[in-house]
Amino acid sequence: MVTELTTKLSKCNKILCTSTTILNNSLDEILAHCSPDAFISIIGPTAGYFPDPLFARGVDVVGGRVVKNGALFLQLIAEGKRWGDATRKTCFQKGTYASLI
């Protein structure tokens, strides 16, 4: 099932959320509607940070980007271009991640 309605999430076994749910403070509401057995992934360019707090709340995968070349990153943003070579994709999985906490 594909849905945008949080009330239907309890019937889903795989849930994919954008990292915007963290920025707009809707993640807690979404997680409250998820089944404890659901496999939950948070992805997006703003999810490039250590995932410990999300894993503690039931998220299974966090995928995002980290900036590897700050000057190039700022240049590309100013030019309205893709971040490409200035960033690196990340993917943290709860089952294989060695926690920093």
PDB file of N, CA and C in Angstrom:
ATOM      1  N   MET A   1       0.842  -1.166   0.000  1.00  0.00           N
ATOM      2  CA  MET A   1       0.000   0.000   0.000  1.00  0.00           C
ATOM      3  C   MET A   1       0.894   1.238   0.000  1.00  0.00           C
ATOM      4  N   VAL A   2       0.552   2.204  -0.772  1.00  0.00           N
ATOM      5  CA  VAL A   2       1.216   3.501  -0.759  1.00  0.00           C
ATOM      6  C   VAL A   2       0.200   4.508  -0.236  1.00  0.00           C
ATOM      7  N   THR A   3       0.585   5.250   0.796  1.00  0.00           N
ATOM      8  CA  THR A   3      -0.348   6.202   1.388  1.00  0.00           C
ATOM      9  C   THR A   3       0.394   7.411   1.936  1.00  0.00           C
ATOM     10  N   GLU A   4      -0.289   8.502   1.978  1.00  0.00           N
ATOM     11  CA  GLU A   4       0.211   9.707   2.635  1.00  0.00           C
ATOM     12  C   GLU A   4      -0.542   9.954   3.938  1.00  0.00           C
ATOM     13  N   LEU A   5      -1.480   9.073   4.258  1.00  0.00           N
ATOM     14  CA  LEU A   5      -2.310   9.221   5.455  1.00  0.00           C
ATOM     15  C   LEU A   5      -1.666   8.489   6.622  1.00  0.00           C
ATOM     16  N   THR A   6      -1.263   9.230   7.638  1.00  0.00           N
ATOM     17  CA  THR A   6      -0.593   8.604   8.782  1.00  0.00           C
ATOM     18  C   THR A   6      -1.485   7.585   9.478  1.00  0.00           C
ATOM     19  N   THR A   7      -2.791   7.770   9.428  1.00  0.00           N
ATOM     20  CA  THR A   7      -3.709   6.845  10.097  1.00  0.00           C
ATOM     21  C   THR A   7      -3.693   5.459   9.468  1.00  0.00           C
ATOM     22  N   LYS A   8      -3.189   5.317   8.261  1.00  0.00           N
ATOM     23  CA  LYS A   8      -3.135   4.013   7.596  1.00  0.00           C
ATOM     24  C   LYS A   8      -1.781   3.316   7.771  1.00  0.00           C
ATOM     25  N   LEU A   9      -0.837   3.987   8.412  1.00  0.00           N
ATOM     26  CA  LEU A   9       0.507   3.422   8.543  1.00  0.00           C
ATOM     27  C   LEU A   9       0.554   2.163   9.404  1.00  0.00           C
ATOM     28  N   SER A  10      -0.372   2.002  10.306  1.00  0.00           N
ATOM     29  CA  SER A  10      -0.348   0.816  11.182  1.00  0.00           C
ATOM     30  C   SER A  10      -0.503  -0.480  10.396  1.00  0.00           C
ATOM     31  N   LYS A  11      -1.000  -0.406   9.170  1.00  0.00           N
ATOM     32  CA  LYS A  11      -1.176  -1.586   8.325  1.00  0.00           C
ATOM     33  C   LYS A  11       0.021  -1.838   7.410  1.00  0.00           C
ATOM     34  N   CYS A  12       1.011  -0.946   7.439  1.00  0.00           N
ATOM     35  CA  CYS A  12       2.175  -1.052   6.556  1.00  0.00           C
ATOM     36  C   CYS A  12       3.323  -1.747   7.272  1.00  0.00           C
ATOM     37  N   ASN A  13       4.037  -2.612   6.543  1.00  0.00           N
ATOM     38  CA  ASN A  13       5.196  -3.276   7.148  1.00  0.00           C
ATOM     39  C   ASN A  13       6.517  -2.630   6.734  1.00  0.00           C
ATOM     40  N   LYS A  14       6.475  -1.745   5.731  1.00  0.00           N
ATOM     41  CA  LYS A  14       7.645  -0.977   5.315  1.00  0.00           C
ATOM     42  C   LYS A  14       7.212   0.474   5.146  1.00  0.00           C
ATOM     43  N   ILE A  15       7.957   1.379   5.787  1.00  0.00           N
ATOM     44  CA  ILE A  15       7.591   2.794   5.764  1.00  0.00           C
ATOM     45  C   ILE A  15       8.812   3.600   5.362  1.00  0.00           C
ATOM     46  N   LEU A  16       8.628   4.441   4.356  1.00  0.00           N
ATOM     47  CA  LEU A  16       9.688   5.285   3.842  1.00  0.00           C
ATOM     48  C   LEU A  16       9.278   6.739   4.035  1.00  0.00           C
ATOM     49  N   CYS A  17      10.061   7.477   4.811  1.00  0.00           N
ATOM     50  CA  CYS A  17       9.783   8.886   5.104  1.00  0.00           C
ATOM     51  C   CYS A  17      10.922   9.741   4.592  1.00  0.00           C
ATOM     52  N   THR A  18      10.602  10.940   4.145  1.00  0.00           N
ATOM     53  CA  THR A  18      11.668  11.872   3.794  1.00  0.00           C
ATOM     54  C   THR A  18      12.190  12.513   5.067  1.00  0.00           C
ATOM     55  N   SER A  19      13.417  13.004   5.001  1.00  0.00           N
ATOM     56  CA  SER A  19      14.010  13.646   6.167  1.00  0.00           C
ATOM     57  C   SER A  19      13.329  14.966   6.505  1.00  0.00           C
ATOM     58  N   THR A  20      12.473  15.443   5.633  1.00  0.00           N
ATOM     59  CA  THR A  20      11.697  16.650   5.922  1.00  0.00           C
ATOM     60  C   THR A  20      10.809  16.438   7.142  1.00  0.00           C
ATOM     61  N   THR A  21      10.443  15.189   7.423  1.00  0.00           N
ATOM     62  CA  THR A  21       9.616  14.905   8.599  1.00  0.00           C
ATOM     63  C   THR A  21      10.329  15.274   9.897  1.00  0.00           C
ATOM     64  N   ILE A  22      11.650  15.298   9.860  1.00  0.00           N
ATOM     65  CA  ILE A  22      12.421  15.727  11.030  1.00  0.00           C
ATOM     66  C   ILE A  22      12.398  17.254  11.120  1.00  0.00           C
ATOM     67  N   LEU A  23      12.604  17.892   9.983  1.00  0.00           N
ATOM     68  CA  LEU A  23      12.655  19.355   9.948  1.00  0.00           C
ATOM     69  C   LEU A  23      11.317  20.005  10.285  1.00  0.00           C
ATOM     70  N   ASN A  24      10.227  19.394   9.843  1.00  0.00           N
ATOM     71  CA  ASN A  24       8.916  20.012  10.096  1.00  0.00           C
ATOM     72  C   ASN A  24       8.213  19.441  11.330  1.00  0.00           C
ATOM     73  N   ASN A  25       8.942  18.680  12.125  1.00  0.00           N
ATOM     74  CA  ASN A  25       8.442  18.123  13.392  1.00  0.00           C
ATOM     75  C   ASN A  25       7.226  17.211  13.235  1.00  0.00           C
ATOM     76  N   SER A  26       7.137  16.496  12.127  1.00  0.00           N
ATOM     77  CA  SER A  26       6.029  15.554  11.956  1.00  0.00           C
ATOM     78  C   SER A  26       6.450  14.102  12.184  1.00  0.00           C
ATOM     79  N   LEU A  27       7.739  13.858  12.417  1.00  0.00           N
ATOM     80  CA  LEU A  27       8.213  12.482  12.570  1.00  0.00           C
ATOM     81  C   LEU A  27       7.574  11.773  13.758  1.00  0.00           C
ATOM     82  N   ASP A  28       7.445  12.437  14.897  1.00  0.00           N
ATOM     83  CA  ASP A  28       6.849  11.788  16.066  1.00  0.00           C
ATOM     84  C   ASP A  28       5.425  11.326  15.789  1.00  0.00           C
ATOM     85  N   GLU A  29       4.664  12.148  15.094  1.00  0.00           N
ATOM     86  CA  GLU A  29       3.283  11.763  14.748  1.00  0.00           C
ATOM     87  C   GLU A  29       3.284  10.556  13.822  1.00  0.00           C
ATOM     88  N   ILE A  30       4.178  10.547  12.868  1.00  0.00           N
ATOM     89  CA  ILE A  30       4.261   9.420  11.937  1.00  0.00           C
ATOM     90  C   ILE A  30       4.649   8.144  12.675  1.00  0.00           C
ATOM     91  N   LEU A  31       5.680   8.216  13.503  1.00  0.00           N
ATOM     92  CA  LEU A  31       6.126   7.027  14.242  1.00  0.00           C
ATOM     93  C   LEU A  31       5.048   6.505  15.180  1.00  0.00           C
ATOM     94  N   ALA A  32       4.221   7.381  15.731  1.00  0.00           N
ATOM     95  CA  ALA A  32       3.143   6.967  16.634  1.00  0.00           C
ATOM     96  C   ALA A  32       2.110   6.099  15.922  1.00  0.00           C
ATOM     97  N   HIS A  33       2.003   6.232  14.616  1.00  0.00           N
ATOM     98  CA  HIS A  33       1.018   5.461  13.846  1.00  0.00           C
ATOM     99  C   HIS A  33       1.604   4.180  13.258  1.00  0.00           C
ATOM    100  N   CYS A  34       2.908   3.975  13.404  1.00  0.00           N
ATOM    101  CA  CYS A  34       3.564   2.805  12.817  1.00  0.00           C
ATOM    102  C   CYS A  34       3.467   1.590  13.727  1.00  0.00           C
ATOM    103  N   SER A  35       3.367   0.440  13.105  1.00  0.00           N
ATOM    104  CA  SER A  35       3.405  -0.812  13.848  1.00  0.00           C
ATOM    105  C   SER A  35       4.812  -0.995  14.417  1.00  0.00           C
ATOM    106  N   PRO A  36       4.925  -1.571  15.618  1.00  0.00           N
ATOM    107  CA  PRO A  36       6.259  -1.825  16.193  1.00  0.00           C
ATOM    108  C   PRO A  36       7.112  -2.749  15.317  1.00  0.00           C
ATOM    109  N   ASP A  37       6.467  -3.553  14.485  1.00  0.00           N
ATOM    110  CA  ASP A  37       7.181  -4.488  13.612  1.00  0.00           C
ATOM    111  C   ASP A  37       7.533  -3.901  12.250  1.00  0.00           C
ATOM    112  N   ALA A  38       7.112  -2.683  11.968  1.00  0.00           N
ATOM    113  CA  ALA A  38       7.364  -2.071  10.660  1.00  0.00           C
ATOM    114  C   ALA A  38       8.847  -1.761  10.480  1.00  0.00           C
ATOM    115  N   PHE A  39       9.311  -1.861   9.246  1.00  0.00           N
ATOM    116  CA  PHE A  39      10.675  -1.491   8.876  1.00  0.00           C
ATOM    117  C   PHE A  39      10.618  -0.052   8.386  1.00  0.00           C
ATOM    118  N   ILE A  40      11.257   0.860   9.133  1.00  0.00           N
ATOM    119  CA  ILE A  40      11.119   2.294   8.874  1.00  0.00           C
ATOM    120  C   ILE A  40      12.434   2.870   8.379  1.00  0.00           C
ATOM    121  N   SER A  41      12.359   3.588   7.255  1.00  0.00           N
ATOM    122  CA  SER A  41      13.523   4.250   6.676  1.00  0.00           C
ATOM    123  C   SER A  41      13.263   5.742   6.589  1.00  0.00           C
ATOM    124  N   ILE A  42      14.288   6.521   6.934  1.00  0.00           N
ATOM    125  CA  ILE A  42      14.266   7.979   6.781  1.00  0.00           C
ATOM    126  C   ILE A  42      15.352   8.308   5.766  1.00  0.00           C
ATOM    127  N   ILE A  43      14.976   8.982   4.672  1.00  0.00           N
ATOM    128  CA  ILE A  43      15.971   9.314   3.651  1.00  0.00           C
ATOM    129  C   ILE A  43      15.826  10.758   3.206  1.00  0.00           C
ATOM    130  N   GLY A  44      16.917  11.289   2.730  1.00  0.00           N
ATOM    131  CA  GLY A  44      16.906  12.637   2.172  1.00  0.00           C
ATOM    132  C   GLY A  44      18.202  13.359   2.467  1.00  0.00           C
ATOM    133  N   PRO A  45      18.482  14.402   1.716  1.00  0.00           N
ATOM    134  CA  PRO A  45      19.764  15.083   1.863  1.00  0.00           C
ATOM    135  C   PRO A  45      19.986  15.716   3.234  1.00  0.00           C
ATOM    136  N   THR A  46      18.936  16.019   3.956  1.00  0.00           N
ATOM    137  CA  THR A  46      19.114  16.644   5.276  1.00  0.00           C
ATOM    138  C   THR A  46      19.249  15.614   6.391  1.00  0.00           C
ATOM    139  N   ALA A  47      19.332  14.334   6.048  1.00  0.00           N
ATOM    140  CA  ALA A  47      19.479  13.280   7.062  1.00  0.00           C
ATOM    141  C   ALA A  47      20.933  12.825   7.174  1.00  0.00           C
ATOM    142  N   GLY A  48      21.891  13.685   6.904  1.00  0.00           N
ATOM    143  CA  GLY A  48      23.296  13.316   6.955  1.00  0.00           C
ATOM    144  C   GLY A  48      23.915  13.585   8.310  1.00  0.00           C
ATOM    145  N   TYR A  49      23.528  12.820   9.314  1.00  0.00           N
ATOM    146  CA  TYR A  49      24.047  13.001  10.668  1.00  0.00           C
ATOM    147  C   TYR A  49      24.021  11.654  11.367  1.00  0.00           C
ATOM    148  N   PHE A  50      24.554  11.614  12.573  1.00  0.00           N
ATOM    149  CA  PHE A  50      24.579  10.344  13.296  1.00  0.00           C
ATOM    150  C   PHE A  50      23.156   9.919  13.653  1.00  0.00           C
ATOM    151  N   PRO A  51      22.801   8.677  13.396  1.00  0.00           N
ATOM    152  CA  PRO A  51      21.418   8.229  13.495  1.00  0.00           C
ATOM    153  C   PRO A  51      20.966   7.714  14.860  1.00  0.00           C
ATOM    154  N   ASP A  52      21.821   7.752  15.855  1.00  0.00           N
ATOM    155  CA  ASP A  52      21.488   7.147  17.155  1.00  0.00           C
ATOM    156  C   ASP A  52      20.103   7.542  17.687  1.00  0.00           C
ATOM    157  N   PRO A  53      19.728   8.829  17.697  1.00  0.00           N
ATOM    158  CA  PRO A  53      18.409   9.194  18.231  1.00  0.00           C
ATOM    159  C   PRO A  53      17.252   8.600  17.424  1.00  0.00           C
ATOM    160  N   LEU A  54      17.425   8.487  16.122  1.00  0.00           N
ATOM    161  CA  LEU A  54      16.366   7.904  15.295  1.00  0.00           C
ATOM    162  C   LEU A  54      16.264   6.399  15.513  1.00  0.00           C
ATOM    163  N   PHE A  55      17.403   5.723  15.625  1.00  0.00           N
ATOM    164  CA  PHE A  55      17.384   4.286  15.893  1.00  0.00           C
ATOM    165  C   PHE A  55      16.716   4.007  17.237  1.00  0.00           C
ATOM    166  N   ALA A  56      16.973   4.844  18.215  1.00  0.00           N
ATOM    167  CA  ALA A  56      16.362   4.667  19.538  1.00  0.00           C
ATOM    168  C   ALA A  56      14.841   4.825  19.481  1.00  0.00           C
ATOM    169  N   ARG A  57      14.335   5.506  18.473  1.00  0.00           N
ATOM    170  CA  ARG A  57      12.891   5.738  18.341  1.00  0.00           C
ATOM    171  C   ARG A  57      12.225   4.750  17.393  1.00  0.00           C
ATOM    172  N   GLY A  58      12.974   3.749  16.898  1.00  0.00           N
ATOM    173  CA  GLY A  58      12.362   2.706  16.083  1.00  0.00           C
ATOM    174  C   GLY A  58      12.674   2.762  14.604  1.00  0.00           C
ATOM    175  N   VAL A  59      13.447   3.732  14.160  1.00  0.00           N
ATOM    176  CA  VAL A  59      13.832   3.813  12.753  1.00  0.00           C
ATOM    177  C   VAL A  59      14.904   2.767  12.483  1.00  0.00           C
ATOM    178  N   ASP A  60      14.850   2.128  11.306  1.00  0.00           N
ATOM    179  CA  ASP A  60      15.789   1.062  10.967  1.00  0.00           C
ATOM    180  C   ASP A  60      16.923   1.495  10.043  1.00  0.00           C
ATOM    181  N   VAL A  61      16.655   2.469   9.156  1.00  0.00           N
ATOM    182  CA  VAL A  61      17.646   2.929   8.183  1.00  0.00           C
ATOM    183  C   VAL A  61      17.570   4.444   8.073  1.00  0.00           C
ATOM    184  N   VAL A  62      18.746   5.086   8.023  1.00  0.00           N
ATOM    185  CA  VAL A  62      18.818   6.531   7.788  1.00  0.00           C
ATOM    186  C   VAL A  62      19.778   6.751   6.623  1.00  0.00           C
ATOM    187  N   GLY A  63      19.279   7.352   5.561  1.00  0.00           N
ATOM    188  CA  GLY A  63      20.096   7.642   4.384  1.00  0.00           C
ATOM    189  C   GLY A  63      20.105   9.122   4.104  1.00  0.00           C
ATOM    190  N   GLY A  64      21.274   9.671   3.849  1.00  0.00           N
ATOM    191  CA  GLY A  64      21.366  11.097   3.581  1.00  0.00           C
ATOM    192  C   GLY A  64      22.657  11.451   2.886  1.00  0.00           C
ATOM    193  N   ARG A  65      23.104  12.668   3.108  1.00  0.00           N
ATOM    194  CA  ARG A  65      24.342  13.158   2.507  1.00  0.00           C
ATOM    195  C   ARG A  65      25.151  13.921   3.538  1.00  0.00           C
ATOM    196  N   VAL A  66      26.461  13.868   3.389  1.00  0.00           N
ATOM    197  CA  VAL A  66      27.355  14.702   4.178  1.00  0.00           C
ATOM    198  C   VAL A  66      28.198  15.516   3.203  1.00  0.00           C
ATOM    199  N   VAL A  67      28.520  16.730   3.606  1.00  0.00           N
ATOM    200  CA  VAL A  67      29.335  17.606   2.770  1.00  0.00           C
ATOM    201  C   VAL A  67      30.793  17.205   2.923  1.00  0.00           C
ATOM    202  N   LYS A  68      31.457  16.937   1.816  1.00  0.00           N
ATOM    203  CA  LYS A  68      32.879  16.573   1.863  1.00  0.00           C
ATOM    204  C   LYS A  68      33.768  17.692   1.338  1.00  0.00           C
ATOM    205  N   ASN A  69      33.186  18.681   0.652  1.00  0.00           N
ATOM    206  CA  ASN A  69      33.939  19.830   0.147  1.00  0.00           C
ATOM    207  C   ASN A  69      33.061  21.068   0.318  1.00  0.00           C
ATOM    208  N   GLY A  70      33.259  21.760   1.433  1.00  0.00           N
ATOM    209  CA  GLY A  70      32.409  22.897   1.780  1.00  0.00           C
ATOM    210  C   GLY A  70      32.430  24.018   0.762  1.00  0.00           C
ATOM    211  N   ALA A  71      33.605  24.376   0.262  1.00  0.00           N
ATOM    212  CA  ALA A  71      33.705  25.474  -0.709  1.00  0.00           C
ATOM    213  C   ALA A  71      32.963  25.127  -1.996  1.00  0.00           C
ATOM    214  N   LEU A  72      33.163  23.926  -2.495  1.00  0.00           N
ATOM    215  CA  LEU A  72      32.470  23.496  -3.705  1.00  0.00           C
ATOM    216  C   LEU A  72      30.968  23.427  -3.469  1.00  0.00           C
ATOM    217  N   PHE A  73      30.575  22.945  -2.304  1.00  0.00           N
ATOM    218  CA  PHE A  73      29.159  22.858  -1.958  1.00  0.00           C
ATOM    219  C   PHE A  73      28.497  24.231  -2.033  1.00  0.00           C
ATOM    220  N   LEU A  74      29.113  25.240  -1.418  1.00  0.00           N
ATOM    221  CA  LEU A  74      28.562  26.590  -1.435  1.00  0.00           C
ATOM    222  C   LEU A  74      28.530  27.168  -2.849  1.00  0.00           C
ATOM    223  N   GLN A  75      29.535  26.870  -3.631  1.00  0.00           N
ATOM    224  CA  GLN A  75      29.569  27.328  -5.018  1.00  0.00           C
ATOM    225  C   GLN A  75      28.417  26.722  -5.815  1.00  0.00           C
ATOM    226  N   LEU A  76      28.226  25.419  -5.674  1.00  0.00           N
ATOM    227  CA  LEU A  76      27.157  24.732  -6.410  1.00  0.00           C
ATOM    228  C   LEU A  76      25.782  25.248  -5.995  1.00  0.00           C
ATOM    229  N   ILE A  77      25.592  25.504  -4.718  1.00  0.00           N
ATOM    230  CA  ILE A  77      24.319  26.062  -4.258  1.00  0.00           C
ATOM    231  C   ILE A  77      24.099  27.434  -4.881  1.00  0.00           C
ATOM    232  N   ALA A  78      25.130  28.273  -4.860  1.00  0.00           N
ATOM    233  CA  ALA A  78      25.017  29.624  -5.428  1.00  0.00           C
ATOM    234  C   ALA A  78      24.691  29.575  -6.918  1.00  0.00           C
ATOM    235  N   GLU A  79      25.197  28.554  -7.609  1.00  0.00           N
ATOM    236  CA  GLU A  79      24.951  28.408  -9.041  1.00  0.00           C
ATOM    237  C   GLU A  79      23.673  27.643  -9.347  1.00  0.00           C
ATOM    238  N   GLY A  80      22.982  27.184  -8.300  1.00  0.00           N
ATOM    239  CA  GLY A  80      21.751  26.423  -8.505  1.00  0.00           C
ATOM    240  C   GLY A  80      21.987  25.066  -9.148  1.00  0.00           C
ATOM    241  N   LYS A  81      23.158  24.491  -8.893  1.00  0.00           N
ATOM    242  CA  LYS A  81      23.502  23.196  -9.484  1.00  0.00           C
ATOM    243  C   LYS A  81      23.377  22.078  -8.458  1.00  0.00           C
ATOM    244  N   ARG A  82      23.408  20.860  -8.966  1.00  0.00           N
ATOM    245  CA  ARG A  82      23.370  19.674  -8.103  1.00  0.00           C
ATOM    246  C   ARG A  82      24.611  19.628  -7.213  1.00  0.00           C
ATOM    247  N   TRP A  83      24.462  19.031  -6.037  1.00  0.00           N
ATOM    248  CA  TRP A  83      25.534  18.980  -5.049  1.00  0.00           C
ATOM    249  C   TRP A  83      26.616  17.969  -5.397  1.00  0.00           C
ATOM    250  N   GLY A  84      26.260  16.949  -6.152  1.00  0.00           N
ATOM    251  CA  GLY A  84      27.145  15.907  -6.647  1.00  0.00           C
ATOM    252  C   GLY A  84      28.489  15.728  -5.981  1.00  0.00           C
ATOM    253  N   ASP A  85      29.540  16.273  -6.596  1.00  0.00           N
ATOM    254  CA  ASP A  85      30.912  16.037  -6.139  1.00  0.00           C
ATOM    255  C   ASP A  85      31.232  16.668  -4.793  1.00  0.00           C
ATOM    256  N   ALA A  86      30.390  17.561  -4.312  1.00  0.00           N
ATOM    257  CA  ALA A  86      30.653  18.228  -3.033  1.00  0.00           C
ATOM    258  C   ALA A  86      30.153  17.413  -1.847  1.00  0.00           C
ATOM    259  N   THR A  87      29.363  16.382  -2.110  1.00  0.00           N
ATOM    260  CA  THR A  87      28.775  15.600  -1.027  1.00  0.00           C
ATOM    261  C   THR A  87      29.027  14.110  -1.235  1.00  0.00           C
ATOM    262  N   ARG A  88      28.733  13.372  -0.189  1.00  0.00           N
ATOM    263  CA  ARG A  88      28.829  11.913  -0.242  1.00  0.00           C
ATOM    264  C   ARG A  88      27.556  11.345   0.364  1.00  0.00           C
ATOM    265  N   LYS A  89      26.977  10.348  -0.287  1.00  0.00           N
ATOM    266  CA  LYS A  89      25.779   9.699   0.248  1.00  0.00           C
ATOM    267  C   LYS A  89      26.149   8.824   1.437  1.00  0.00           C
ATOM    268  N   THR A  90      25.242   8.754   2.399  1.00  0.00           N
ATOM    269  CA  THR A  90      25.432   7.904   3.570  1.00  0.00           C
ATOM    270  C   THR A  90      24.229   6.986   3.739  1.00  0.00           C
ATOM    271  N   CYS A  91      24.451   5.850   4.340  1.00  0.00           N
ATOM    272  CA  CYS A  91      23.353   4.940   4.675  1.00  0.00           C
ATOM    273  C   CYS A  91      23.739   4.200   5.948  1.00  0.00           C
ATOM    274  N   PHE A  92      23.029   4.514   7.013  1.00  0.00           N
ATOM    275  CA  PHE A  92      23.250   3.853   8.292  1.00  0.00           C
ATOM    276  C   PHE A  92      22.116   2.864   8.524  1.00  0.00           C
ATOM    277  N   GLN A  93      22.461   1.634   8.877  1.00  0.00           N
ATOM    278  CA  GLN A  93      21.474   0.608   9.170  1.00  0.00           C
ATOM    279  C   GLN A  93      21.603   0.211  10.634  1.00  0.00           C
ATOM    280  N   LYS A  94      20.470   0.178  11.305  1.00  0.00           N
ATOM    281  CA  LYS A  94      20.479  -0.114  12.748  1.00  0.00           C
ATOM    282  C   LYS A  94      21.193  -1.431  13.054  1.00  0.00           C
ATOM    283  N   GLY A  95      20.994  -2.430  12.218  1.00  0.00           N
ATOM    284  CA  GLY A  95      21.574  -3.749  12.479  1.00  0.00           C
ATOM    285  C   GLY A  95      23.080  -3.829  12.342  1.00  0.00           C
ATOM    286  N   THR A  96      23.696  -2.882  11.645  1.00  0.00           N
ATOM    287  CA  THR A  96      25.139  -2.944  11.404  1.00  0.00           C
ATOM    288  C   THR A  96      25.884  -1.721  11.930  1.00  0.00           C
ATOM    289  N   TYR A  97      25.181  -0.772  12.494  1.00  0.00           N
ATOM    290  CA  TYR A  97      25.779   0.485  12.938  1.00  0.00           C
ATOM    291  C   TYR A  97      26.358   0.338  14.338  1.00  0.00           C
ATOM    292  N   ALA A  98      27.606   0.752  14.502  1.00  0.00           N
ATOM    293  CA  ALA A  98      28.243   0.774  15.821  1.00  0.00           C
ATOM    294  C   ALA A  98      27.957   2.124  16.453  1.00  0.00           C
ATOM    295  N   SER A  99      27.090   2.159  17.415  1.00  0.00           N
ATOM    296  CA  SER A  99      26.613   3.384  18.036  1.00  0.00           C
ATOM    297  C   SER A  99      27.733   4.222  18.628  1.00  0.00           C
ATOM    298  N   LEU A 100      27.527   5.536  18.584  1.00  0.00           N
ATOM    299  CA  LEU A 100      28.470   6.449  19.219  1.00  0.00           C
ATOM    300  C   LEU A 100      28.057   6.783  20.652  1.00  0.00           C
ATOM    301  N   ILE A 101      26.847   6.392  21.005  1.00  0.00           N
ATOM    302  CA  ILE A 101      26.320   6.710  22.344  1.00  0.00           C
ATOM    303  C   ILE A 101      26.604   5.556  23.294  1.00  0.00           C
TER     304      ILE A 101
END
